[in-house]
């Protein structure tokens, strides 16, 4: 899916920067999704396991939700699915 790099010419430099960063972020998320899908792993599952593995003393659900930019209920469901696997 192609996204335009520059939107409107009459935008302020700040608005242009915002749109560029948003576009870059979306491309990165799409690339991560494709990469992890090719390995049979969900993006959030990978990052949850990565953060848990880096925390020898453990990590709270709140801190984990902040680390992978998800709400706590999503993390609870994610951890439940990981425990079942």
Protein backbone atom coordinates (compact mmCIF):
# COMPACT_ATOMS: atom_id res chain seq x y z
CA UNK A 1 0.00 0.00 0.00
CA UNK A 2 1.58 3.26 -1.14
CA UNK A 3 1.29 6.28 1.11
CA UNK A 4 2.23 9.72 -0.09
CA UNK A 5 5.35 11.05 1.58
CA UNK A 6 4.31 14.68 1.37
CA UNK A 7 0.68 15.55 1.86
CA UNK A 8 -0.31 19.16 1.24
CA UNK A 9 2.16 21.82 0.17
CA UNK A 10 0.47 24.47 2.29
CA UNK A 11 1.15 22.63 5.56
CA UNK A 12 3.48 24.14 8.11
CA UNK A 13 6.93 22.56 8.53
CA UNK A 14 5.73 21.08 11.83
CA UNK A 15 2.72 19.49 10.15
CA UNK A 16 4.90 18.12 7.37
CA UNK A 17 7.30 16.62 9.92
CA UNK A 18 4.39 15.05 11.79
CA UNK A 19 3.06 13.44 8.61
CA UNK A 20 6.53 12.21 7.61
CA UNK A 21 7.11 10.63 11.03
CA UNK A 22 3.63 9.09 11.04
CA UNK A 23 4.21 7.64 7.57
CA UNK A 24 7.61 6.27 8.61
CA UNK A 25 6.11 4.68 11.73
CA UNK A 26 3.34 3.02 9.71
CA UNK A 27 5.87 1.62 7.23
CA UNK A 28 7.95 0.24 10.10
CA UNK A 29 4.90 -1.42 11.68
CA UNK A 30 3.91 -2.98 8.35
CA UNK A 31 7.47 -4.26 7.82
CA UNK A 32 7.52 -5.74 11.34
CA UNK A 33 4.16 -7.42 10.77
CA UNK A 34 5.40 -8.98 7.52
CA UNK A 35 8.66 -10.13 9.11
CA UNK A 36 7.01 -11.69 12.15
CA UNK A 37 4.22 -13.23 10.06
CA UNK A 38 6.85 -14.96 7.94
CA UNK A 39 8.11 -16.58 11.15
CA UNK A 40 4.62 -17.37 12.45
CA UNK A 41 4.80 -14.92 15.35
CA UNK A 42 2.60 -11.93 16.17
CA UNK A 43 4.43 -8.62 16.59
CA UNK A 44 3.07 -8.00 20.11
CA UNK A 45 3.95 -11.55 21.19
CA UNK A 46 7.54 -11.10 20.02
CA UNK A 47 7.98 -7.78 21.81
CA UNK A 48 6.30 -9.03 24.97
CA UNK A 49 8.65 -12.03 25.10
CA UNK A 50 11.61 -9.78 24.32
CA UNK A 51 10.82 -7.42 27.21
CA UNK A 52 10.09 -10.30 29.59
CA UNK A 53 13.39 -11.94 28.63
CA UNK A 54 15.31 -8.73 29.30
CA UNK A 55 13.85 -8.41 32.82
CA UNK A 56 15.45 -11.06 35.05
CA UNK A 57 13.49 -9.78 38.06
CA UNK A 58 10.23 -9.78 36.08
CA UNK A 59 8.13 -7.01 34.63
CA UNK A 60 4.70 -5.83 35.69
CA UNK A 61 1.77 -5.97 33.30
CA UNK A 62 1.57 -2.17 33.46
CA UNK A 63 5.24 -1.76 32.52
CA UNK A 64 4.89 -4.36 29.79
CA UNK A 65 1.85 -2.59 28.36
CA UNK A 66 3.78 0.67 28.30
CA UNK A 67 6.81 -0.98 26.70
CA UNK A 68 4.86 -2.38 23.75
CA UNK A 69 2.39 0.50 23.52
CA UNK A 70 -0.74 -1.52 24.34
CA UNK A 71 -3.38 -1.24 27.00
CA UNK A 72 -3.38 -3.54 30.03
CA UNK A 73 -6.34 -5.64 28.90
CA UNK A 74 -4.57 -6.41 25.60
CA UNK A 75 -1.48 -7.48 27.55
CA UNK A 76 -3.57 -9.72 29.80
CA UNK A 77 -5.06 -11.52 26.78
CA UNK A 78 -1.64 -11.70 25.12
CA UNK A 79 -0.01 -13.26 28.20
CA UNK A 80 -2.91 -15.71 28.53
CA UNK A 81 -2.37 -16.82 24.91
CA UNK A 82 1.38 -17.13 25.44
CA UNK A 83 0.86 -19.25 28.57
CA UNK A 84 -1.46 -21.57 26.62
CA UNK A 85 1.08 -22.03 23.81
